[in-house]
Amino acid sequence: MRRLFTLALVVVGAAAFPLAQGGNVLVIRNVTLVDGTGRPPVANATVVIEGSTIKDAGAYAQAPAGARTIDGAGKFLIPGLIDAHIHLRGGRGQTAAADQEREGIRALQSYLYAGVTTVFDAGNRPEFITGLRAKERSGAIVSPRIFATGGTVASPNGHGGPYNVEAWPADRRLLDEHLATKPDLAKIGQDEHGWGTRPQIRQLPEDLLEKIIRYYHSKGVRIIIHVSNEHNAIEAIYAGADTLAHPIIQAPMSEEYVRMMSVKHVPTISTLTIGENYSRLAEHPEYLDQPLYRDTLEAAERQMLKTEESAKQKENRWAAWMKVMTPVAQDNMKRLNDVGKDIVAAGTDQTSGPALHRELELLVGAGISPADTIVIATRNAARALGKLDELGTIEAGKLADMVLLKADPTRNIDNAKQVDTVIKNGQVIDRAKLDLPVNRRTSSQ
């Protein structure tokens, strides 16, 4: 799906701090635990973190003596939120490499501020995103956990690139080039366009699609695939795709498709925000005055979006088309969630922390409960990325990514914005030291 715009975020000077000077154990006591599994919240729970790993969690977890302690009384602990579909800003354009990296890091740090501890970049300039991924994993930058595909695979003149495959096995060398960048997932662009306001383009024939997927699987790489209609989704699933990168948006799903998904349970990334954001900006630019946007977006950028960009979107036929079709996609997500609580996964197709919270609002607006929506943005997103063994829930043995909230998100999804403390990989992020507008704002602003 087309990207509208990205928010320019000035987010420098972020810092993560060790859990304890005298040890590596952190305990969160007296908290209401919303563990991401879908089980009911647990009151007065204890969570024990040892290094980067959750040691124990629940009503009967035992805290070791001498551990650093956070009192969670009156607060709610959820797994770190996951945006399972972004396109990080900075990787495109003609600016110097250092400036591109700085722009990307600032956007990444906006996610941490918003409680997002993991992102999956679903298509970017390979050297840009893999370079940032390497720095995140080495600890050289403060960032959410980064998974990435780098470039995408598609038919020549199709939806994606630079790995454009037409002949087999001759073009297998392109897949080897992609594999050399060590993609966490391989993304295939399988969209014919010819819908909305976009002209027809080429897509991979079914037999070639199956060969490509089989080849990546033989190398141990999971496939995420861009589709937008039911026919292409079915074709992709039976060709072996592991995850769908977008909802079906071109039409309501058939009952046959819903029944198939009740058996298949193929993860489907929601990405409602990207389409809805066009008309939202055109009709309700005042959303940019909400606290999370004010905290992470410079005043001049917000003003430009509220005036110049808003005026452009009022004339954009694509914005009008997406306004009509986004409710269709919402209803499709609700129907999938009704037949399989592990199917729908949260993702935005955008590049900032506030966007994920809008995604959660749209999922709730579709009729999905706030409690289910937290699962969608944690456990299900980890499952969609093939990372559920290590991420997505607060359970013993998993990585210690979690967010302490000031209010209950299972009652009102807006409470997921009430971030108190962010913990990534067992380290507390000091949000007050992020170089964000909220931390530089004068009384006159």
Protein backbone atom coordinates (compact mmCIF):
# COMPACT_ATOMS: atom_id res chain seq x y z
CA MET A 1 0.00 0.00 0.00
CA ARG A 2 1.14 3.51 -0.75
CA ARG A 3 2.76 5.59 1.95
CA LEU A 4 1.30 9.05 2.44
CA PHE A 5 3.95 10.83 4.40
CA THR A 6 6.16 10.34 7.40
CA LEU A 7 6.42 12.45 10.49
CA ALA A 8 9.66 14.34 11.03
CA LEU A 9 10.69 13.53 14.56
CA VAL A 10 13.57 15.09 16.42
CA VAL A 11 14.40 12.38 18.90
CA VAL A 12 18.03 12.45 19.88
CA GLY A 13 19.86 11.89 23.11
CA ALA A 14 17.87 8.84 24.16
CA ALA A 15 19.38 6.73 26.89
CA ALA A 16 18.86 3.27 28.27
CA PHE A 17 20.11 2.48 31.73
CA PRO A 18 21.20 -0.76 33.45
CA LEU A 19 18.66 -2.22 35.81
CA ALA A 20 20.84 -2.26 38.89
CA GLN A 21 24.35 -1.21 39.80
CA GLY A 22 24.89 -4.15 42.08
CA GLY A 23 23.20 -6.86 40.08
CA ASN A 24 21.16 -7.70 37.08
CA VAL A 25 17.77 -8.43 38.64
CA LEU A 26 14.75 -6.16 38.41
CA VAL A 27 11.44 -6.91 40.14
CA ILE A 28 8.09 -5.28 39.41
CA ARG A 29 5.76 -5.77 42.37
CA ASN A 30 2.07 -5.24 43.09
CA VAL A 31 1.20 -4.74 39.44
CA THR A 32 -1.82 -5.85 37.43
CA LEU A 33 -0.31 -8.16 34.84
CA VAL A 34 -1.80 -8.22 31.32
CA ASP A 35 0.57 -10.84 29.95
CA GLY A 36 -0.42 -10.76 26.26
CA THR A 37 -1.64 -14.36 26.13
CA GLY A 38 -5.29 -13.41 26.27
CA ARG A 39 -5.69 -14.72 29.80
CA PRO A 40 -7.50 -12.44 32.27
CA PRO A 41 -5.37 -9.79 34.02
CA VAL A 42 -3.65 -10.93 37.22
CA ALA A 43 -3.89 -8.51 40.15
CA ASN A 44 -1.02 -7.99 42.62
CA ALA A 45 1.40 -9.84 40.38
CA THR A 46 5.18 -9.95 40.55
CA VAL A 47 7.49 -10.03 37.53
CA VAL A 48 11.15 -10.95 37.93
CA ILE A 49 13.64 -9.94 35.24
CA GLU A 50 17.12 -11.37 35.25
CA GLY A 51 19.40 -9.68 32.75
CA SER A 52 17.49 -9.53 29.47
CA THR A 53 15.12 -12.40 30.32
CA ILE A 54 11.90 -12.82 32.25
CA LYS A 55 12.64 -15.21 35.09
CA ASP A 56 9.14 -15.49 36.54
CA ALA A 57 5.78 -13.73 36.30
CA GLY A 58 2.46 -14.09 38.07
CA ALA A 59 0.68 -13.97 41.38
CA TYR A 60 3.10 -16.41 43.01
CA ALA A 61 6.41 -15.30 41.49
CA GLN A 62 9.13 -14.99 44.11
CA ALA A 63 11.41 -11.97 44.14
CA PRO A 64 15.05 -12.55 45.16
CA ALA A 65 16.44 -10.51 48.02
CA GLY A 66 18.39 -7.40 47.10
CA ALA A 67 16.86 -6.93 43.67
CA ARG A 68 16.04 -3.50 42.37
CA THR A 69 12.28 -3.03 42.68
CA ILE A 70 9.63 -1.02 40.87
CA ASP A 71 6.34 -0.60 42.72
CA GLY A 72 3.56 -1.23 40.22
CA ALA A 73 0.68 -0.54 42.58
CA GLY A 74 -2.26 0.90 40.64
CA LYS A 75 -0.51 0.26 37.32
CA PHE A 76 -0.79 -2.26 34.50
CA LEU A 77 2.04 -4.19 32.86
CA ILE A 78 1.75 -5.31 29.23
CA PRO A 79 4.29 -6.80 26.82
CA GLY A 80 6.19 -4.31 24.70
CA LEU A 81 4.03 -3.26 21.77
CA ILE A 82 5.06 -4.47 18.31
CA ASP A 83 4.55 -2.70 14.99
CA ALA A 84 4.78 -5.58 12.53
CA HIS A 85 4.84 -3.42 9.40
CA ILE A 86 6.80 -0.17 9.07
CA HIS A 87 8.88 1.52 6.40
CA LEU A 88 11.45 3.47 8.40
CA ARG A 89 12.00 7.01 7.22
CA GLY A 90 15.50 8.07 6.21
CA GLY A 91 16.24 5.25 3.81
CA ARG A 92 14.98 7.09 0.77
CA GLY A 93 16.02 10.44 -0.69
CA GLN A 94 19.22 12.17 -1.64
CA THR A 95 20.54 13.40 1.71
CA ALA A 96 23.90 12.35 3.07
CA ALA A 97 24.17 8.92 4.66
CA ALA A 98 24.80 10.38 8.12
CA ASP A 99 21.68 12.55 7.86
CA GLN A 100 19.61 9.58 6.68
CA GLU A 101 20.78 7.51 9.61
CA ARG A 102 20.04 10.32 12.04
CA GLU A 103 16.53 10.66 10.63
CA GLY A 104 15.96 6.92 10.99
CA ILE A 105 17.24 6.84 14.57
CA ARG A 106 14.96 9.71 15.54
CA ALA A 107 11.95 7.86 14.17
CA LEU A 108 12.99 4.65 15.91
CA GLN A 109 13.23 6.46 19.22
CA SER A 110 9.70 7.80 18.81
CA TYR A 111 8.55 4.17 18.98
CA LEU A 112 10.24 3.62 22.32
CA TYR A 113 8.60 6.74 23.71
CA ALA A 114 5.22 5.34 22.69
CA GLY A 115 5.85 1.93 24.27
CA VAL A 116 6.76 0.11 21.05
CA THR A 117 9.75 -2.14 21.70
CA THR A 118 9.87 -4.09 18.41
CA VAL A 119 9.40 -3.09 14.77
CA PHE A 120 9.54 -4.95 11.48
CA ASP A 121 10.66 -2.91 8.48
CA ALA A 122 8.77 -4.40 5.55
CA GLY A 123 10.78 -2.83 2.74
CA ASN A 124 13.58 -0.31 2.57
CA ARG A 125 16.97 0.37 1.07
CA PRO A 126 18.81 -2.76 2.24
CA GLU A 127 22.08 -1.18 3.36
CA PHE A 128 20.23 1.51 5.30
CA ILE A 129 17.95 -0.69 7.37
CA THR A 130 20.41 -3.55 7.87
CA GLY A 131 23.01 -1.03 9.04
CA LEU A 132 20.64 0.28 11.70
CA ARG A 133 19.65 -3.26 12.62
CA ALA A 134 23.30 -4.12 13.23
CA LYS A 135 23.75 -1.05 15.44
CA GLU A 136 20.61 -1.84 17.42
CA ARG A 137 21.72 -5.40 18.05
CA SER A 138 25.21 -4.34 19.12
CA GLY A 139 23.82 -1.68 21.46
CA ALA A 140 25.39 1.16 19.47
CA ILE A 141 22.02 2.96 19.22
CA VAL A 142 18.99 3.19 21.48
CA SER A 143 16.18 1.73 19.44
CA PRO A 144 13.33 -0.73 19.45
CA ARG A 145 14.25 -4.25 18.46
CA ILE A 146 14.58 -4.19 14.65
CA PHE A 147 13.59 -6.96 12.26
CA ALA A 148 13.82 -6.23 8.57
CA THR A 149 13.44 -7.64 5.09
CA GLY A 150 15.64 -5.08 3.34
CA GLY A 151 14.54 -5.04 -0.29
CA THR A 152 11.45 -6.86 -1.54
CA VAL A 153 10.85 -9.49 -4.20
CA ALA A 154 8.39 -8.90 -7.03
CA SER A 155 7.74 -9.31 -10.72
CA PRO A 156 9.55 -6.83 -13.01
CA ASN A 157 7.47 -3.63 -13.00
CA GLY A 158 5.55 -5.14 -10.10
CA HIS A 159 4.90 -4.09 -6.51
CA GLY A 160 8.36 -4.04 -5.01
CA GLY A 161 12.07 -4.37 -5.69
CA PRO A 162 14.98 -4.40 -6.18
CA TYR A 163 14.80 -8.21 -6.42
CA ASN A 164 12.62 -8.50 -9.54
CA VAL A 165 12.28 -12.12 -10.56
CA GLU A 166 11.01 -13.26 -13.97
CA ALA A 167 12.91 -16.38 -15.09
CA TRP A 168 13.58 -19.53 -13.05
CA PRO A 169 16.15 -20.70 -12.18
CA ALA A 170 18.15 -17.90 -13.83
CA ASP A 171 16.89 -15.19 -11.45
CA ARG A 172 17.51 -17.29 -8.37
CA ARG A 173 20.78 -15.38 -8.08
CA LEU A 174 18.71 -12.33 -7.06
CA LEU A 175 17.25 -14.27 -4.16
CA ASP A 176 20.77 -15.26 -3.15
CA GLU A 177 21.74 -11.58 -3.16
CA HIS A 178 18.79 -10.90 -0.90
CA LEU A 179 19.65 -13.81 1.40
CA ALA A 180 23.17 -12.44 1.74
CA THR A 181 21.70 -9.41 3.55
CA LYS A 182 20.25 -11.82 6.16
CA PRO A 183 16.58 -10.81 6.01
CA ASP A 184 14.61 -11.70 9.12
CA LEU A 185 11.67 -12.35 6.80
CA ALA A 186 11.51 -12.18 3.02
CA LYS A 187 8.77 -9.94 1.67
CA ILE A 188 7.11 -10.56 -1.70
CA GLY A 189 5.05 -7.86 -3.40
CA GLN A 190 2.10 -9.61 -5.07
CA ASP A 191 -0.37 -6.95 -6.14
CA GLU A 192 -1.73 -6.27 -9.60
CA HIS A 193 -3.09 -2.80 -8.66
CA GLY A 194 -5.86 -1.81 -11.05
CA TRP A 195 -7.97 -0.91 -8.02
CA GLY A 196 -8.61 2.43 -6.34
CA THR A 197 -6.84 5.07 -8.42
CA ARG A 198 -3.83 2.98 -9.42
CA PRO A 199 -3.11 1.54 -12.89
CA GLN A 200 -2.58 -2.15 -13.48
CA ILE A 201 0.90 -3.62 -12.91
CA ARG A 202 2.46 -7.05 -13.26
CA GLN A 203 2.53 -9.73 -10.60
CA LEU A 204 4.29 -13.06 -10.23
CA PRO A 205 2.60 -16.06 -11.87
CA GLU A 206 1.47 -18.69 -9.39
CA ASP A 207 4.04 -21.33 -10.31
CA LEU A 208 6.93 -18.86 -9.97
CA LEU A 209 5.56 -17.55 -6.68
CA GLU A 210 5.56 -21.08 -5.29
CA LYS A 211 9.16 -21.69 -6.43
CA ILE A 212 10.32 -18.47 -4.78
CA ILE A 213 8.60 -19.27 -1.49
CA ARG A 214 9.92 -22.81 -1.49
CA TYR A 215 13.46 -21.53 -2.09
CA TYR A 216 13.35 -19.13 0.86
CA HIS A 217 11.87 -21.82 3.07
CA SER A 218 14.75 -24.14 2.11
CA LYS A 219 17.05 -21.47 3.55
CA GLY A 220 15.03 -21.18 6.74
CA VAL A 221 13.52 -17.79 5.93
CA ARG A 222 9.88 -16.96 6.59
CA ILE A 223 7.75 -15.30 3.86
CA ILE A 224 5.52 -12.27 4.34
CA ILE A 225 3.53 -11.29 1.27
CA HIS A 226 1.76 -8.12 0.14
CA VAL A 227 -1.73 -8.85 -1.15
CA SER A 228 -4.92 -6.79 -1.11
CA ASN A 229 -7.68 -9.07 -2.41
CA GLU A 230 -9.06 -12.46 -1.54
CA HIS A 231 -7.99 -14.21 -4.75
CA ASN A 232 -4.35 -13.22 -4.32
CA ALA A 233 -4.45 -14.08 -0.62
CA ILE A 234 -5.67 -17.60 -1.29
CA GLU A 235 -3.08 -18.07 -4.01
CA ALA A 236 -0.33 -16.85 -1.69
CA ILE A 237 -1.42 -19.05 1.21
CA TYR A 238 -1.51 -22.21 -0.88
CA ALA A 239 1.85 -21.27 -2.44
CA GLY A 240 3.25 -21.41 1.10
CA ALA A 241 3.25 -17.81 2.39
CA ASP A 242 3.59 -17.60 6.17
CA THR A 243 2.12 -14.14 6.83
CA LEU A 244 -0.07 -11.69 4.92
CA ALA A 245 1.34 -8.17 5.08
CA HIS A 246 -2.04 -6.44 4.74
CA PRO A 247 -5.74 -7.07 5.23
CA ILE A 248 -8.06 -7.78 2.34
CA ILE A 249 -9.29 -4.30 1.49
CA GLN A 250 -10.71 -4.45 -2.02
CA ALA A 251 -13.99 -6.09 -0.93
CA PRO A 252 -15.66 -7.86 2.00
CA MET A 253 -14.26 -11.34 2.57
CA SER A 254 -16.40 -14.25 1.42
CA GLU A 255 -17.73 -16.76 3.93
CA GLU A 256 -15.58 -19.39 2.22
CA TYR A 257 -12.45 -17.35 2.88
CA VAL A 258 -13.37 -16.86 6.53
CA ARG A 259 -13.94 -20.59 6.95
CA MET A 260 -10.58 -21.32 5.31
CA MET A 261 -8.84 -18.91 7.69
CA SER A 262 -10.56 -20.55 10.66
CA VAL A 263 -8.56 -23.63 9.67
CA LYS A 264 -5.37 -22.04 8.34
CA HIS A 265 -4.93 -19.23 10.92
CA VAL A 266 -2.50 -17.40 8.63
CA PRO A 267 -1.30 -14.25 10.44
CA THR A 268 -2.64 -11.09 8.80
CA ILE A 269 -1.13 -7.67 9.54
CA SER A 270 -3.85 -5.06 10.06
CA THR A 271 -2.32 -1.87 8.49
CA LEU A 272 -5.61 0.04 8.77
CA THR A 273 -3.85 3.28 9.66
CA ILE A 274 -2.07 3.85 6.38
CA GLY A 275 -5.28 4.08 4.36
CA GLU A 276 -7.31 5.92 6.98
CA ASN A 277 -4.58 8.49 7.56
CA TYR A 278 -5.21 10.21 4.22
CA SER A 279 -8.79 11.21 4.96
CA ARG A 280 -8.05 11.75 8.63
CA LEU A 281 -5.47 14.35 7.74
CA ALA A 282 -7.81 15.94 5.21
CA GLU A 283 -10.82 16.11 7.50
CA HIS A 284 -9.48 16.08 11.06
CA PRO A 285 -5.94 17.50 11.13
CA GLU A 286 -6.56 18.53 14.73
CA TYR A 287 -5.58 14.97 15.71
CA LEU A 288 -2.02 16.25 15.53
CA ASP A 289 -2.71 18.26 18.69
CA GLN A 290 -3.18 15.08 20.72
CA PRO A 291 -0.49 14.63 23.42
CA LEU A 292 1.41 11.78 21.79
CA TYR A 293 1.84 13.75 18.56
CA ARG A 294 2.72 16.95 20.41
CA ASP A 295 5.27 15.04 22.46
CA THR A 296 7.05 13.48 19.49
CA LEU A 297 6.54 15.87 16.58
CA GLU A 298 8.06 19.31 16.19
CA ALA A 299 5.59 22.21 16.17
CA ALA A 300 6.65 23.35 12.71
CA GLU A 301 6.10 19.88 11.25
CA ARG A 302 2.71 19.56 12.85
CA GLN A 303 1.73 22.93 11.45
CA MET A 304 2.82 21.97 7.94
CA LEU A 305 0.81 18.76 8.09
CA LYS A 306 -2.26 20.55 9.43
CA THR A 307 -2.20 23.15 6.65
CA GLU A 308 -0.30 22.28 3.46
CA GLU A 309 -0.59 18.50 3.63
CA SER A 310 -4.17 18.59 4.81
CA ALA A 311 -5.12 20.78 1.86
CA LYS A 312 -3.44 18.34 -0.55
CA GLN A 313 -5.34 15.40 0.85
CA LYS A 314 -8.66 17.19 0.45
CA GLU A 315 -8.02 16.99 -3.32
CA ASN A 316 -6.54 13.48 -3.32
CA ARG A 317 -8.84 10.90 -4.98
CA TRP A 318 -6.87 8.12 -3.28
CA ALA A 319 -7.79 9.62 0.11
CA ALA A 320 -11.46 9.53 -0.84
CA TRP A 321 -11.23 5.94 -2.04
CA MET A 322 -9.44 4.78 1.10
CA LYS A 323 -12.02 6.49 3.28
CA VAL A 324 -14.64 4.25 1.71
CA MET A 325 -12.59 1.05 1.85
CA THR A 326 -11.00 1.31 5.31
CA PRO A 327 -14.28 0.31 7.04
CA VAL A 328 -14.35 -2.74 4.77
CA ALA A 329 -10.87 -3.69 5.94
CA GLN A 330 -11.89 -3.04 9.55
CA ASP A 331 -14.84 -5.38 9.25
CA ASN A 332 -12.63 -8.00 7.62
CA MET A 333 -10.25 -7.81 10.59
CA LYS A 334 -13.13 -8.19 13.03
CA ARG A 335 -14.40 -11.28 11.20
CA LEU A 336 -10.95 -12.89 11.23
CA ASN A 337 -10.52 -12.16 14.93
CA ASP A 338 -13.90 -13.75 15.62
CA VAL A 339 -12.79 -17.08 14.11
CA GLY A 340 -9.20 -17.09 15.36
CA LYS A 341 -7.77 -15.02 18.20
CA ASP A 342 -4.24 -15.56 16.87
CA ILE A 343 -4.80 -14.34 13.28
CA VAL A 344 -4.86 -10.53 13.29
CA ALA A 345 -1.55 -8.79 14.09
CA ALA A 346 -0.92 -5.06 14.50
CA GLY A 347 1.07 -3.07 11.96
CA THR A 348 0.79 0.41 10.49
CA ASP A 349 2.75 0.67 7.22
CA GLN A 350 4.05 3.96 8.67
CA THR A 351 7.07 5.17 10.58
CA SER A 352 6.27 6.61 14.02
CA GLY A 353 5.17 5.46 17.44
CA PRO A 354 1.89 7.41 17.52
CA ALA A 355 0.72 5.58 14.38
CA LEU A 356 0.55 2.25 16.21
CA HIS A 357 -1.78 3.72 18.80
CA ARG A 358 -4.05 4.91 16.01
CA GLU A 359 -3.98 1.36 14.65
CA LEU A 360 -5.21 0.07 18.00
CA GLU A 361 -8.00 2.64 18.00
CA LEU A 362 -9.13 1.52 14.54
CA LEU A 363 -9.12 -2.12 15.59
CA VAL A 364 -11.32 -1.30 18.57
CA GLY A 365 -13.44 0.82 16.25
CA ALA A 366 -13.97 -2.32 14.18
CA GLY A 367 -15.64 -3.97 17.16
CA ILE A 368 -12.64 -5.87 18.53
CA SER A 369 -12.38 -5.64 22.31
CA PRO A 370 -9.54 -3.64 23.89
CA ALA A 371 -8.33 -6.84 25.58
CA ASP A 372 -8.10 -8.66 22.25
CA THR A 373 -6.41 -5.63 20.70
CA ILE A 374 -3.58 -5.78 23.24
CA VAL A 375 -3.03 -9.42 22.22
CA ILE A 376 -3.08 -8.35 18.56
CA ALA A 377 -0.33 -5.79 19.23
CA THR A 378 1.85 -8.16 21.28
CA ARG A 379 1.48 -11.94 21.02
CA ASN A 380 -0.06 -11.98 17.56
CA ALA A 381 2.44 -9.54 16.12
CA ALA A 382 5.29 -11.68 17.45
CA ARG A 383 3.65 -14.76 15.93
CA ALA A 384 3.30 -13.03 12.57
CA LEU A 385 7.05 -12.38 12.58
CA GLY A 386 7.89 -15.93 13.63
CA LYS A 387 9.25 -14.65 16.96
CA LEU A 388 6.68 -15.92 19.44
CA ASP A 389 9.19 -18.19 21.14
CA GLU A 390 11.09 -15.14 22.36
CA LEU A 391 8.73 -12.15 22.28
CA GLY A 392 5.14 -11.04 22.58
CA THR A 393 4.08 -12.22 26.04
CA ILE A 394 5.23 -11.78 29.62
CA GLU A 395 6.17 -15.35 30.46
CA ALA A 396 9.22 -17.02 31.94
CA GLY A 397 12.02 -17.52 29.43
CA LYS A 398 11.04 -14.71 27.10
CA LEU A 399 12.92 -11.49 26.47
CA ALA A 400 12.08 -8.73 28.91
CA ASP A 401 10.26 -6.23 26.69
CA MET A 402 7.34 -4.65 28.53
CA VAL A 403 5.48 -1.43 29.22
CA LEU A 404 4.11 -0.19 32.54
CA LEU A 405 0.90 1.80 32.04
CA LYS A 406 -0.91 4.20 34.33
CA ALA A 407 -4.37 2.86 33.45
CA ASP A 408 -6.05 -0.33 32.27
CA PRO A 409 -5.80 -0.85 28.48
CA THR A 410 -8.21 -3.79 28.53
CA ARG A 411 -11.02 -1.41 29.49
CA ASN A 412 -10.12 1.49 27.22
CA ILE A 413 -7.53 1.21 24.47
CA ASP A 414 -6.62 4.88 24.89
CA ASN A 415 -5.03 3.83 28.16
CA ALA A 416 -2.27 2.14 26.16
CA LYS A 417 -1.02 5.69 25.55
CA GLN A 418 -0.62 6.27 29.30
CA VAL A 419 2.97 5.08 29.37
CA ASP A 420 4.77 5.15 32.70
CA THR A 421 7.87 3.00 32.06
CA VAL A 422 9.31 1.27 29.01
CA ILE A 423 11.60 -1.75 29.40
CA LYS A 424 13.39 -3.22 26.40
CA ASN A 425 15.69 -6.22 26.68
CA GLY A 426 15.73 -5.86 30.45
CA GLN A 427 16.74 -2.21 30.43
CA VAL A 428 14.65 0.76 31.48
CA ILE A 429 14.39 3.54 28.91
CA ASP A 430 14.52 6.97 30.55
CA ARG A 431 11.81 8.71 28.52
CA ALA A 432 12.53 12.01 30.28
CA LYS A 433 15.98 12.11 28.71
CA LEU A 434 14.83 11.59 25.15
CA ASP A 435 15.44 14.69 23.07
CA LEU A 436 11.77 15.09 22.21
CA PRO A 437 9.62 18.21 22.05
CA VAL A 438 7.93 17.16 25.28
CA ASN A 439 11.28 17.39 27.06
CA ARG A 440 12.26 20.69 25.42
CA ARG A 441 8.92 22.45 25.55
CA THR A 442 8.83 25.91 27.06
CA SER A 443 5.91 27.20 29.04
CA SER A 444 4.89 29.36 26.05
CA GLN A 445 4.28 26.27 23.92
